mmCIF file of all heavy atoms, coordinates in Angstrom:
data_MODEL
# 
_entry.id   MODEL 
# 
loop_
_atom_site.group_PDB 
_atom_site.id 
_atom_site.type_symbol 
_atom_site.label_atom_id 
_atom_site.label_alt_id 
_atom_site.label_comp_id 
_atom_site.label_asym_id 
_atom_site.label_entity_id 
_atom_site.label_seq_id 
_atom_site.pdbx_PDB_ins_code 
_atom_site.Cartn_x 
_atom_site.Cartn_y 
_atom_site.Cartn_z 
_atom_site.occupancy 
_atom_site.B_iso_or_equiv 
_atom_site.pdbx_formal_charge 
_atom_site.auth_seq_id 
_atom_site.auth_comp_id 
_atom_site.auth_asym_id 
_atom_site.auth_atom_id 
_atom_site.pdbx_PDB_model_num 
ATOM 1   N N   . ALA A 1 1  ? 0.832  -1.206  0.000  1.00 0.00 ? 1  ALA A N   1 
ATOM 2   C CA  . ALA A 1 1  ? 0.000  0.000   0.000  1.00 0.00 ? 1  ALA A CA  1 
ATOM 3   C C   . ALA A 1 1  ? 0.867  1.257   0.000  1.00 0.00 ? 1  ALA A C   1 
ATOM 4   O O   . ALA A 1 1  ? 0.562  2.235   -0.687 1.00 0.00 ? 1  ALA A O   1 
ATOM 5   C CB  . ALA A 1 1  ? -0.931 -0.005  1.211  1.00 0.00 ? 1  ALA A CB  1 
ATOM 6   N N   . LEU A 1 2  ? 1.959  1.230   0.752  1.00 0.00 ? 2  LEU A N   1 
ATOM 7   C CA  . LEU A 1 2  ? 2.880  2.368   0.781  1.00 0.00 ? 2  LEU A CA  1 
ATOM 8   C C   . LEU A 1 2  ? 3.593  2.522   -0.561 1.00 0.00 ? 2  LEU A C   1 
ATOM 9   O O   . LEU A 1 2  ? 3.749  3.628   -1.075 1.00 0.00 ? 2  LEU A O   1 
ATOM 10  C CB  . LEU A 1 2  ? 3.904  2.205   1.904  1.00 0.00 ? 2  LEU A CB  1 
ATOM 11  C CG  . LEU A 1 2  ? 3.338  2.296   3.323  1.00 0.00 ? 2  LEU A CG  1 
ATOM 12  C CD1 . LEU A 1 2  ? 4.344  1.768   4.334  1.00 0.00 ? 2  LEU A CD1 1 
ATOM 13  C CD2 . LEU A 1 2  ? 2.922  3.724   3.652  1.00 0.00 ? 2  LEU A CD2 1 
ATOM 14  N N   . GLU A 1 3  ? 4.008  1.416   -1.113 1.00 0.00 ? 3  GLU A N   1 
ATOM 15  C CA  . GLU A 1 3  ? 4.688  1.435   -2.403 1.00 0.00 ? 3  GLU A CA  1 
ATOM 16  C C   . GLU A 1 3  ? 3.748  1.926   -3.509 1.00 0.00 ? 3  GLU A C   1 
ATOM 17  O O   . GLU A 1 3  ? 4.151  2.667   -4.405 1.00 0.00 ? 3  GLU A O   1 
ATOM 18  C CB  . GLU A 1 3  ? 5.210  0.029   -2.715 1.00 0.00 ? 3  GLU A CB  1 
ATOM 19  C CG  . GLU A 1 3  ? 6.393  0.020   -3.623 1.00 0.00 ? 3  GLU A CG  1 
ATOM 20  C CD  . GLU A 1 3  ? 7.045  -1.358  -3.697 1.00 0.00 ? 3  GLU A CD  1 
ATOM 21  O OE1 . GLU A 1 3  ? 6.338  -2.357  -3.962 1.00 0.00 ? 3  GLU A OE1 1 
ATOM 22  O OE2 . GLU A 1 3  ? 8.267  -1.424  -3.506 1.00 0.00 ? 3  GLU A OE2 1 
ATOM 23  N N   . ASP A 1 4  ? 2.500  1.523   -3.433 1.00 0.00 ? 4  ASP A N   1 
ATOM 24  C CA  . ASP A 1 4  ? 1.495  1.913   -4.419 1.00 0.00 ? 4  ASP A CA  1 
ATOM 25  C C   . ASP A 1 4  ? 1.317  3.433   -4.489 1.00 0.00 ? 4  ASP A C   1 
ATOM 26  O O   . ASP A 1 4  ? 1.075  3.984   -5.558 1.00 0.00 ? 4  ASP A O   1 
ATOM 27  C CB  . ASP A 1 4  ? 0.158  1.246   -4.064 1.00 0.00 ? 4  ASP A CB  1 
ATOM 28  C CG  . ASP A 1 4  ? -0.931 1.536   -5.060 1.00 0.00 ? 4  ASP A CG  1 
ATOM 29  O OD1 . ASP A 1 4  ? -0.683 1.409   -6.278 1.00 0.00 ? 4  ASP A OD1 1 
ATOM 30  O OD2 . ASP A 1 4  ? -2.051 1.886   -4.625 1.00 0.00 ? 4  ASP A OD2 1 
ATOM 31  N N   . LYS A 1 5  ? 1.467  4.109   -3.351 1.00 0.00 ? 5  LYS A N   1 
ATOM 32  C CA  . LYS A 1 5  ? 1.321  5.570   -3.301 1.00 0.00 ? 5  LYS A CA  1 
ATOM 33  C C   . LYS A 1 5  ? 2.670  6.284   -3.316 1.00 0.00 ? 5  LYS A C   1 
ATOM 34  O O   . LYS A 1 5  ? 2.793  7.426   -2.923 1.00 0.00 ? 5  LYS A O   1 
ATOM 35  C CB  . LYS A 1 5  ? 0.523  5.992   -2.057 1.00 0.00 ? 5  LYS A CB  1 
ATOM 36  C CG  . LYS A 1 5  ? -0.921 5.571   -2.098 1.00 0.00 ? 5  LYS A CG  1 
ATOM 37  C CD  . LYS A 1 5  ? -1.671 6.298   -3.185 1.00 0.00 ? 5  LYS A CD  1 
ATOM 38  C CE  . LYS A 1 5  ? -3.130 5.891   -3.196 1.00 0.00 ? 5  LYS A CE  1 
ATOM 39  N NZ  . LYS A 1 5  ? -3.865 6.487   -4.292 1.00 0.00 ? 5  LYS A NZ  1 
ATOM 40  N N   . LYS A 1 6  ? 3.691  5.570   -3.778 1.00 0.00 ? 6  LYS A N   1 
ATOM 41  C CA  . LYS A 1 6  ? 5.037  6.144   -3.972 1.00 0.00 ? 6  LYS A CA  1 
ATOM 42  C C   . LYS A 1 6  ? 5.678  6.617   -2.671 1.00 0.00 ? 6  LYS A C   1 
ATOM 43  O O   . LYS A 1 6  ? 6.298  7.672   -2.616 1.00 0.00 ? 6  LYS A O   1 
ATOM 44  C CB  . LYS A 1 6  ? 5.003  7.304   -4.976 1.00 0.00 ? 6  LYS A CB  1 
ATOM 45  C CG  . LYS A 1 6  ? 4.308  6.993   -6.286 1.00 0.00 ? 6  LYS A CG  1 
ATOM 46  C CD  . LYS A 1 6  ? 5.113  6.051   -7.123 1.00 0.00 ? 6  LYS A CD  1 
ATOM 47  C CE  . LYS A 1 6  ? 4.500  5.915   -8.512 1.00 0.00 ? 6  LYS A CE  1 
ATOM 48  N NZ  . LYS A 1 6  ? 4.080  4.600   -8.861 1.00 0.00 ? 6  LYS A NZ  1 
ATOM 49  N N   . GLY A 1 7  ? 5.531  5.818   -1.618 1.00 0.00 ? 7  GLY A N   1 
ATOM 50  C CA  . GLY A 1 7  ? 6.230  6.115   -0.367 1.00 0.00 ? 7  GLY A CA  1 
ATOM 51  C C   . GLY A 1 7  ? 7.729  6.170   -0.605 1.00 0.00 ? 7  GLY A C   1 
ATOM 52  O O   . GLY A 1 7  ? 8.270  5.434   -1.421 1.00 0.00 ? 7  GLY A O   1 
ATOM 53  N N   . VAL A 1 8  ? 8.395  7.048   0.122  1.00 0.00 ? 8  VAL A N   1 
ATOM 54  C CA  . VAL A 1 8  ? 9.823  7.283   -0.057 1.00 0.00 ? 8  VAL A CA  1 
ATOM 55  C C   . VAL A 1 8  ? 10.624 6.424   0.913  1.00 0.00 ? 8  VAL A C   1 
ATOM 56  O O   . VAL A 1 8  ? 10.349 6.404   2.112  1.00 0.00 ? 8  VAL A O   1 
ATOM 57  C CB  . VAL A 1 8  ? 10.151 8.784   0.166  1.00 0.00 ? 8  VAL A CB  1 
ATOM 58  C CG1 . VAL A 1 8  ? 11.642 9.035   0.058  1.00 0.00 ? 8  VAL A CG1 1 
ATOM 59  C CG2 . VAL A 1 8  ? 9.375  9.652   -0.814 1.00 0.00 ? 8  VAL A CG2 1 
ATOM 60  N N   . ASN A 1 9  ? 11.614 5.701   0.390  1.00 0.00 ? 9  ASN A N   1 
ATOM 61  C CA  . ASN A 1 9  ? 12.573 4.959   1.204  1.00 0.00 ? 9  ASN A CA  1 
ATOM 62  C C   . ASN A 1 9  ? 11.878 4.094   2.264  1.00 0.00 ? 9  ASN A C   1 
ATOM 63  O O   . ASN A 1 9  ? 12.114 4.240   3.458  1.00 0.00 ? 9  ASN A O   1 
ATOM 64  C CB  . ASN A 1 9  ? 13.560 5.946   1.845  1.00 0.00 ? 9  ASN A CB  1 
ATOM 65  C CG  . ASN A 1 9  ? 14.797 5.266   2.374  1.00 0.00 ? 9  ASN A CG  1 
ATOM 66  O OD1 . ASN A 1 9  ? 15.098 4.126   2.043  1.00 0.00 ? 9  ASN A OD1 1 
ATOM 67  N ND2 . ASN A 1 9  ? 15.518 5.971   3.225  1.00 0.00 ? 9  ASN A ND2 1 
ATOM 68  N N   . ILE A 1 10 ? 11.042 3.179   1.829  1.00 0.00 ? 10 ILE A N   1 
ATOM 69  C CA  . ILE A 1 10 ? 10.281 2.317   2.743  1.00 0.00 ? 10 ILE A CA  1 
ATOM 70  C C   . ILE A 1 10 ? 11.206 1.260   3.325  1.00 0.00 ? 10 ILE A C   1 
ATOM 71  O O   . ILE A 1 10 ? 11.890 0.549   2.598  1.00 0.00 ? 10 ILE A O   1 
ATOM 72  C CB  . ILE A 1 10 ? 9.111  1.637   2.005  1.00 0.00 ? 10 ILE A CB  1 
ATOM 73  C CG1 . ILE A 1 10 ? 8.232  2.675   1.321  1.00 0.00 ? 10 ILE A CG1 1 
ATOM 74  C CG2 . ILE A 1 10 ? 8.296  0.787   2.975  1.00 0.00 ? 10 ILE A CG2 1 
ATOM 75  C CD1 . ILE A 1 10 ? 7.259  2.090   0.314  1.00 0.00 ? 10 ILE A CD1 1 
ATOM 76  N N   . LYS A 1 11 ? 11.222 1.178   4.636  1.00 0.00 ? 11 LYS A N   1 
ATOM 77  C CA  . LYS A 1 11 ? 12.057 0.193   5.343  1.00 0.00 ? 11 LYS A CA  1 
ATOM 78  C C   . LYS A 1 11 ? 11.179 -0.686  6.214  1.00 0.00 ? 11 LYS A C   1 
ATOM 79  O O   . LYS A 1 11 ? 10.239 -0.208  6.849  1.00 0.00 ? 11 LYS A O   1 
ATOM 80  C CB  . LYS A 1 11 ? 13.075 0.884   6.254  1.00 0.00 ? 11 LYS A CB  1 
ATOM 81  C CG  . LYS A 1 11 ? 13.987 1.862   5.575  1.00 0.00 ? 11 LYS A CG  1 
ATOM 82  C CD  . LYS A 1 11 ? 15.096 1.164   4.869  1.00 0.00 ? 11 LYS A CD  1 
ATOM 83  C CE  . LYS A 1 11 ? 16.045 2.211   4.316  1.00 0.00 ? 11 LYS A CE  1 
ATOM 84  N NZ  . LYS A 1 11 ? 17.058 1.697   3.499  1.00 0.00 ? 11 LYS A NZ  1 
ATOM 85  N N   . VAL A 1 12 ? 11.511 -1.969  6.259  1.00 0.00 ? 12 VAL A N   1 
ATOM 86  C CA  . VAL A 1 12 ? 10.844 -2.907  7.160  1.00 0.00 ? 12 VAL A CA  1 
ATOM 87  C C   . VAL A 1 12 ? 11.909 -3.434  8.112  1.00 0.00 ? 12 VAL A C   1 
ATOM 88  O O   . VAL A 1 12 ? 12.953 -3.938  7.671  1.00 0.00 ? 12 VAL A O   1 
ATOM 89  C CB  . VAL A 1 12 ? 10.184 -4.070  6.391  1.00 0.00 ? 12 VAL A CB  1 
ATOM 90  C CG1 . VAL A 1 12 ? 9.564  -5.065  7.363  1.00 0.00 ? 12 VAL A CG1 1 
ATOM 91  C CG2 . VAL A 1 12 ? 9.148  -3.549  5.408  1.00 0.00 ? 12 VAL A CG2 1 
ATOM 92  N N   . ILE A 1 13 ? 11.650 -3.312  9.404  1.00 0.00 ? 13 ILE A N   1 
ATOM 93  C CA  . ILE A 1 13 ? 12.598 -3.770  10.418 1.00 0.00 ? 13 ILE A CA  1 
ATOM 94  C C   . ILE A 1 13 ? 11.910 -4.828  11.280 1.00 0.00 ? 13 ILE A C   1 
ATOM 95  O O   . ILE A 1 13 ? 10.851 -4.576  11.863 1.00 0.00 ? 13 ILE A O   1 
ATOM 96  C CB  . ILE A 1 13 ? 13.081 -2.605  11.312 1.00 0.00 ? 13 ILE A CB  1 
ATOM 97  C CG1 . ILE A 1 13 ? 13.711 -1.502  10.460 1.00 0.00 ? 13 ILE A CG1 1 
ATOM 98  C CG2 . ILE A 1 13 ? 14.069 -3.111  12.357 1.00 0.00 ? 13 ILE A CG2 1 
ATOM 99  C CD1 . ILE A 1 13 ? 14.042 -0.228  11.242 1.00 0.00 ? 13 ILE A CD1 1 
ATOM 100 N N   . ASP A 1 14 ? 12.507 -6.004  11.343 1.00 0.00 ? 14 ASP A N   1 
ATOM 101 C CA  . ASP A 1 14 ? 12.027 -7.075  12.215 1.00 0.00 ? 14 ASP A CA  1 
ATOM 102 C C   . ASP A 1 14 ? 12.579 -6.809  13.610 1.00 0.00 ? 14 ASP A C   1 
ATOM 103 O O   . ASP A 1 14 ? 13.787 -6.881  13.832 1.00 0.00 ? 14 ASP A O   1 
ATOM 104 C CB  . ASP A 1 14 ? 12.506 -8.427  11.682 1.00 0.00 ? 14 ASP A CB  1 
ATOM 105 C CG  . ASP A 1 14 ? 12.031 -9.603  12.515 1.00 0.00 ? 14 ASP A CG  1 
ATOM 106 O OD1 . ASP A 1 14 ? 11.599 -9.414  13.670 1.00 0.00 ? 14 ASP A OD1 1 
ATOM 107 O OD2 . ASP A 1 14 ? 12.106 -10.737 12.001 1.00 0.00 ? 14 ASP A OD2 1 
ATOM 108 N N   . ILE A 1 15 ? 11.677 -6.472  14.524 1.00 0.00 ? 15 ILE A N   1 
ATOM 109 C CA  . ILE A 1 15 ? 12.117 -6.176  15.896 1.00 0.00 ? 15 ILE A CA  1 
ATOM 110 C C   . ILE A 1 15 ? 11.671 -7.263  16.880 1.00 0.00 ? 15 ILE A C   1 
ATOM 111 O O   . ILE A 1 15 ? 11.786 -7.095  18.091 1.00 0.00 ? 15 ILE A O   1 
ATOM 112 C CB  . ILE A 1 15 ? 11.615 -4.788  16.364 1.00 0.00 ? 15 ILE A CB  1 
ATOM 113 C CG1 . ILE A 1 15 ? 10.096 -4.720  16.388 1.00 0.00 ? 15 ILE A CG1 1 
ATOM 114 C CG2 . ILE A 1 15 ? 12.202 -3.683  15.509 1.00 0.00 ? 15 ILE A CG2 1 
ATOM 115 C CD1 . ILE A 1 15 ? 9.539  -3.521  17.134 1.00 0.00 ? 15 ILE A CD1 1 
ATOM 116 N N   . SER A 1 16 ? 11.168 -8.370  16.355 1.00 0.00 ? 16 SER A N   1 
ATOM 117 C CA  . SER A 1 16 ? 10.593 -9.416  17.208 1.00 0.00 ? 16 SER A CA  1 
ATOM 118 C C   . SER A 1 16 ? 11.594 -10.004 18.197 1.00 0.00 ? 16 SER A C   1 
ATOM 119 O O   . SER A 1 16 ? 11.203 -10.423 19.294 1.00 0.00 ? 16 SER A O   1 
ATOM 120 C CB  . SER A 1 16 ? 9.988  -10.525 16.360 1.00 0.00 ? 16 SER A CB  1 
ATOM 121 O OG  . SER A 1 16 ? 10.971 -11.144 15.556 1.00 0.00 ? 16 SER A OG  1 
ATOM 122 N N   . SER A 1 17 ? 12.867 -10.017 17.849 1.00 0.00 ? 17 SER A N   1 
ATOM 123 C CA  . SER A 1 17 ? 13.856 -10.619 18.746 1.00 0.00 ? 17 SER A CA  1 
ATOM 124 C C   . SER A 1 17 ? 14.424 -9.621  19.758 1.00 0.00 ? 17 SER A C   1 
ATOM 125 O O   . SER A 1 17 ? 15.136 -10.026 20.677 1.00 0.00 ? 17 SER A O   1 
ATOM 126 C CB  . SER A 1 17 ? 14.997 -11.231 17.933 1.00 0.00 ? 17 SER A CB  1 
ATOM 127 O OG  . SER A 1 17 ? 15.676 -10.214 17.227 1.00 0.00 ? 17 SER A OG  1 
ATOM 128 N N   . ILE A 1 18 ? 14.087 -8.334  19.613 1.00 0.00 ? 18 ILE A N   1 
ATOM 129 C CA  . ILE A 1 18 ? 14.654 -7.341  20.529 1.00 0.00 ? 18 ILE A CA  1 
ATOM 130 C C   . ILE A 1 18 ? 13.606 -6.544  21.300 1.00 0.00 ? 18 ILE A C   1 
ATOM 131 O O   . ILE A 1 18 ? 13.955 -5.749  22.164 1.00 0.00 ? 18 ILE A O   1 
ATOM 132 C CB  . ILE A 1 18 ? 15.589 -6.351  19.788 1.00 0.00 ? 18 ILE A CB  1 
ATOM 133 C CG1 . ILE A 1 18 ? 14.830 -5.586  18.711 1.00 0.00 ? 18 ILE A CG1 1 
ATOM 134 C CG2 . ILE A 1 18 ? 16.796 -7.077  19.222 1.00 0.00 ? 18 ILE A CG2 1 
ATOM 135 C CD1 . ILE A 1 18 ? 15.609 -4.426  18.132 1.00 0.00 ? 18 ILE A CD1 1 
ATOM 136 N N   . SER A 1 19 ? 12.321 -6.758  20.995 1.00 0.00 ? 19 SER A N   1 
ATOM 137 C CA  . SER A 1 19 ? 11.287 -5.977  21.654 1.00 0.00 ? 19 SER A CA  1 
ATOM 138 C C   . SER A 1 19 ? 9.980  -6.754  21.718 1.00 0.00 ? 19 SER A C   1 
ATOM 139 O O   . SER A 1 19 ? 9.681  -7.556  20.839 1.00 0.00 ? 19 SER A O   1 
ATOM 140 C CB  . SER A 1 19 ? 11.049 -4.665  20.887 1.00 0.00 ? 19 SER A CB  1 
ATOM 141 O OG  . SER A 1 19 ? 9.999  -3.937  21.477 1.00 0.00 ? 19 SER A OG  1 
ATOM 142 N N   . ILE A 1 20 ? 9.207  -6.453  22.742 1.00 0.00 ? 20 ILE A N   1 
ATOM 143 C CA  . ILE A 1 20 ? 7.876  -7.044  22.842 1.00 0.00 ? 20 ILE A CA  1 
ATOM 144 C C   . ILE A 1 20 ? 6.806  -6.104  22.280 1.00 0.00 ? 20 ILE A C   1 
ATOM 145 O O   . ILE A 1 20 ? 5.635  -6.439  22.256 1.00 0.00 ? 20 ILE A O   1 
ATOM 146 C CB  . ILE A 1 20 ? 7.534  -7.421  24.304 1.00 0.00 ? 20 ILE A CB  1 
ATOM 147 C CG1 . ILE A 1 20 ? 7.563  -6.186  25.201 1.00 0.00 ? 20 ILE A CG1 1 
ATOM 148 C CG2 . ILE A 1 20 ? 8.459  -8.498  24.812 1.00 0.00 ? 20 ILE A CG2 1 
ATOM 149 C CD1 . ILE A 1 20 ? 7.004  -6.420  26.580 1.00 0.00 ? 20 ILE A CD1 1 
ATOM 150 N N   . LEU A 1 21 ? 7.221  -4.934  21.803 1.00 0.00 ? 21 LEU A N   1 
ATOM 151 C CA  . LEU A 1 21 ? 6.271  -3.960  21.260 1.00 0.00 ? 21 LEU A CA  1 
ATOM 152 C C   . LEU A 1 21 ? 5.538  -4.492  20.040 1.00 0.00 ? 21 LEU A C   1 
ATOM 153 O O   . LEU A 1 21 ? 4.336  -4.280  19.884 1.00 0.00 ? 21 LEU A O   1 
ATOM 154 C CB  . LEU A 1 21 ? 6.985  -2.667  20.860 1.00 0.00 ? 21 LEU A CB  1 
ATOM 155 C CG  . LEU A 1 21 ? 7.495  -1.774  21.954 1.00 0.00 ? 21 LEU A CG  1 
ATOM 156 C CD1 . LEU A 1 21 ? 8.254  -0.594  21.355 1.00 0.00 ? 21 LEU A CD1 1 
ATOM 157 C CD2 . LEU A 1 21 ? 6.348  -1.286  22.809 1.00 0.00 ? 21 LEU A CD2 1 
ATOM 158 N N   . ALA A 1 22 ? 6.270  -5.127  19.146 1.00 0.00 ? 22 ALA A N   1 
ATOM 159 C CA  . ALA A 1 22 ? 5.705  -5.575  17.873 1.00 0.00 ? 22 ALA A CA  1 
ATOM 160 C C   . ALA A 1 22 ? 6.674  -6.545  17.220 1.00 0.00 ? 22 ALA A C   1 
ATOM 161 O O   . ALA A 1 22 ? 7.794  -6.725  17.690 1.00 0.00 ? 22 ALA A O   1 
ATOM 162 C CB  . ALA A 1 22 ? 5.466  -4.375  16.961 1.00 0.00 ? 22 ALA A CB  1 
ATOM 163 N N   . ASP A 1 23 ? 6.243  -7.119  16.112 1.00 0.00 ? 23 ASP A N   1 
ATOM 164 C CA  . ASP A 1 23 ? 7.131  -7.962  15.312 1.00 0.00 ? 23 ASP A CA  1 
ATOM 165 C C   . ASP A 1 23 ? 7.869  -7.137  14.265 1.00 0.00 ? 23 ASP A C   1 
ATOM 166 O O   . ASP A 1 23 ? 9.042  -7.368  13.993 1.00 0.00 ? 23 ASP A O   1 
ATOM 167 C CB  . ASP A 1 23 ? 6.343  -9.062  14.600 1.00 0.00 ? 23 ASP A CB  1 
ATOM 168 C CG  . ASP A 1 23 ? 5.775  -10.093 15.562 1.00 0.00 ? 23 ASP A CG  1 
ATOM 169 O OD1 . ASP A 1 23 ? 6.310  -10.234 16.684 1.00 0.00 ? 23 ASP A OD1 1 
ATOM 170 O OD2 . ASP A 1 23 ? 4.792  -10.762 15.187 1.00 0.00 ? 23 ASP A OD2 1 
ATOM 171 N N   . TYR A 1 24 ? 7.147  -6.168  13.672 1.00 0.00 ? 24 TYR A N   1 
ATOM 172 C CA  . TYR A 1 24 ? 7.731  -5.378  12.592 1.00 0.00 ? 24 TYR A CA  1 
ATOM 173 C C   . TYR A 1 24 ? 7.432  -3.891  12.760 1.00 0.00 ? 24 TYR A C   1 
ATOM 174 O O   . TYR A 1 24 ? 6.336  -3.523  13.190 1.00 0.00 ? 24 TYR A O   1 
ATOM 175 C CB  . TYR A 1 24 ? 7.177  -5.813  11.220 1.00 0.00 ? 24 TYR A CB  1 
ATOM 176 C CG  . TYR A 1 24 ? 7.513  -7.228  10.867 1.00 0.00 ? 24 TYR A CG  1 
ATOM 177 C CD1 . TYR A 1 24 ? 6.602  -8.255  11.081 1.00 0.00 ? 24 TYR A CD1 1 
ATOM 178 C CD2 . TYR A 1 24 ? 8.754  -7.550  10.327 1.00 0.00 ? 24 TYR A CD2 1 
ATOM 179 C CE1 . TYR A 1 24 ? 6.912  -9.566  10.764 1.00 0.00 ? 24 TYR A CE1 1 
ATOM 180 C CE2 . TYR A 1 24 ? 9.066  -8.858  10.001 1.00 0.00 ? 24 TYR A CE2 1 
ATOM 181 C CZ  . TYR A 1 24 ? 8.149  -9.858  10.229 1.00 0.00 ? 24 TYR A CZ  1 
ATOM 182 O OH  . TYR A 1 24 ? 8.459  -11.160 9.916  1.00 0.00 ? 24 TYR A OH  1 
ATOM 183 N N   . PHE A 1 25 ? 8.412  -3.085  12.402 1.00 0.00 ? 25 PHE A N   1 
ATOM 184 C CA  . PHE A 1 25 ? 8.243  -1.654  12.188 1.00 0.00 ? 25 PHE A CA  1 
ATOM 185 C C   . PHE A 1 25 ? 8.348  -1.432  10.690 1.00 0.00 ? 25 PHE A C   1 
ATOM 186 O O   . PHE A 1 25 ? 9.245  -1.978  10.049 1.00 0.00 ? 25 PHE A O   1 
ATOM 187 C CB  . PHE A 1 25 ? 9.365  -0.841  12.840 1.00 0.00 ? 25 PHE A CB  1 
ATOM 188 C CG  . PHE A 1 25 ? 9.133  -0.424  14.254 1.00 0.00 ? 25 PHE A CG  1 
ATOM 189 C CD1 . PHE A 1 25 ? 8.030  -0.806  14.990 1.00 0.00 ? 25 PHE A CD1 1 
ATOM 190 C CD2 . PHE A 1 25 ? 10.063 0.391   14.871 1.00 0.00 ? 25 PHE A CD2 1 
ATOM 191 C CE1 . PHE A 1 25 ? 7.850  -0.406  16.293 1.00 0.00 ? 25 PHE A CE1 1 
ATOM 192 C CE2 . PHE A 1 25 ? 9.894  0.808   16.180 1.00 0.00 ? 25 PHE A CE2 1 
ATOM 193 C CZ  . PHE A 1 25 ? 8.789  0.403   16.892 1.00 0.00 ? 25 PHE A CZ  1 
ATOM 194 N N   . ILE A 1 26 ? 7.445  -0.637  10.160 1.00 0.00 ? 26 ILE A N   1 
ATOM 195 C CA  . ILE A 1 26 ? 7.575  -0.174  8.782  1.00 0.00 ? 26 ILE A CA  1 
ATOM 196 C C   . ILE A 1 26 ? 7.772  1.329   8.870  1.00 0.00 ? 26 ILE A C   1 
ATOM 197 O O   . ILE A 1 26 ? 7.010  2.025   9.549  1.00 0.00 ? 26 ILE A O   1 
ATOM 198 C CB  . ILE A 1 26 ? 6.331  -0.496  7.936  1.00 0.00 ? 26 ILE A CB  1 
ATOM 199 C CG1 . ILE A 1 26 ? 6.046  -1.993  7.945  1.00 0.00 ? 26 ILE A CG1 1 
ATOM 200 C CG2 . ILE A 1 26 ? 6.520  0.020   6.511  1.00 0.00 ? 26 ILE A CG2 1 
ATOM 201 C CD1 . ILE A 1 26 ? 4.748  -2.371  7.253  1.00 0.00 ? 26 ILE A CD1 1 
ATOM 202 N N   . ILE A 1 27 ? 8.791  1.823   8.206  1.00 0.00 ? 27 ILE A N   1 
ATOM 203 C CA  . ILE A 1 27 ? 9.090  3.256   8.205  1.00 0.00 ? 27 ILE A CA  1 
ATOM 204 C C   . ILE A 1 27 ? 9.076  3.734   6.761  1.00 0.00 ? 27 ILE A C   1 
ATOM 205 O O   . ILE A 1 27 ? 9.731  3.145   5.902  1.00 0.00 ? 27 ILE A O   1 
ATOM 206 C CB  . ILE A 1 27 ? 10.457 3.539   8.853  1.00 0.00 ? 27 ILE A CB  1 
ATOM 207 C CG1 . ILE A 1 27 ? 10.506 2.955   10.270 1.00 0.00 ? 27 ILE A CG1 1 
ATOM 208 C CG2 . ILE A 1 27 ? 10.745 5.045   8.871  1.00 0.00 ? 27 ILE A CG2 1 
ATOM 209 C CD1 . ILE A 1 27 ? 11.888 2.929   10.897 1.00 0.00 ? 27 ILE A CD1 1 
# 
C-alpha cells in the first residue's frame, strides 16, 4: 500500500527478537 502511493525509502525492520512492542516496524 505504501509502495502503491510512492512512499519514499520504505524500510521494514524485524524487531521481534529485541522488543515485545511488535514484530515489525515499517518506516
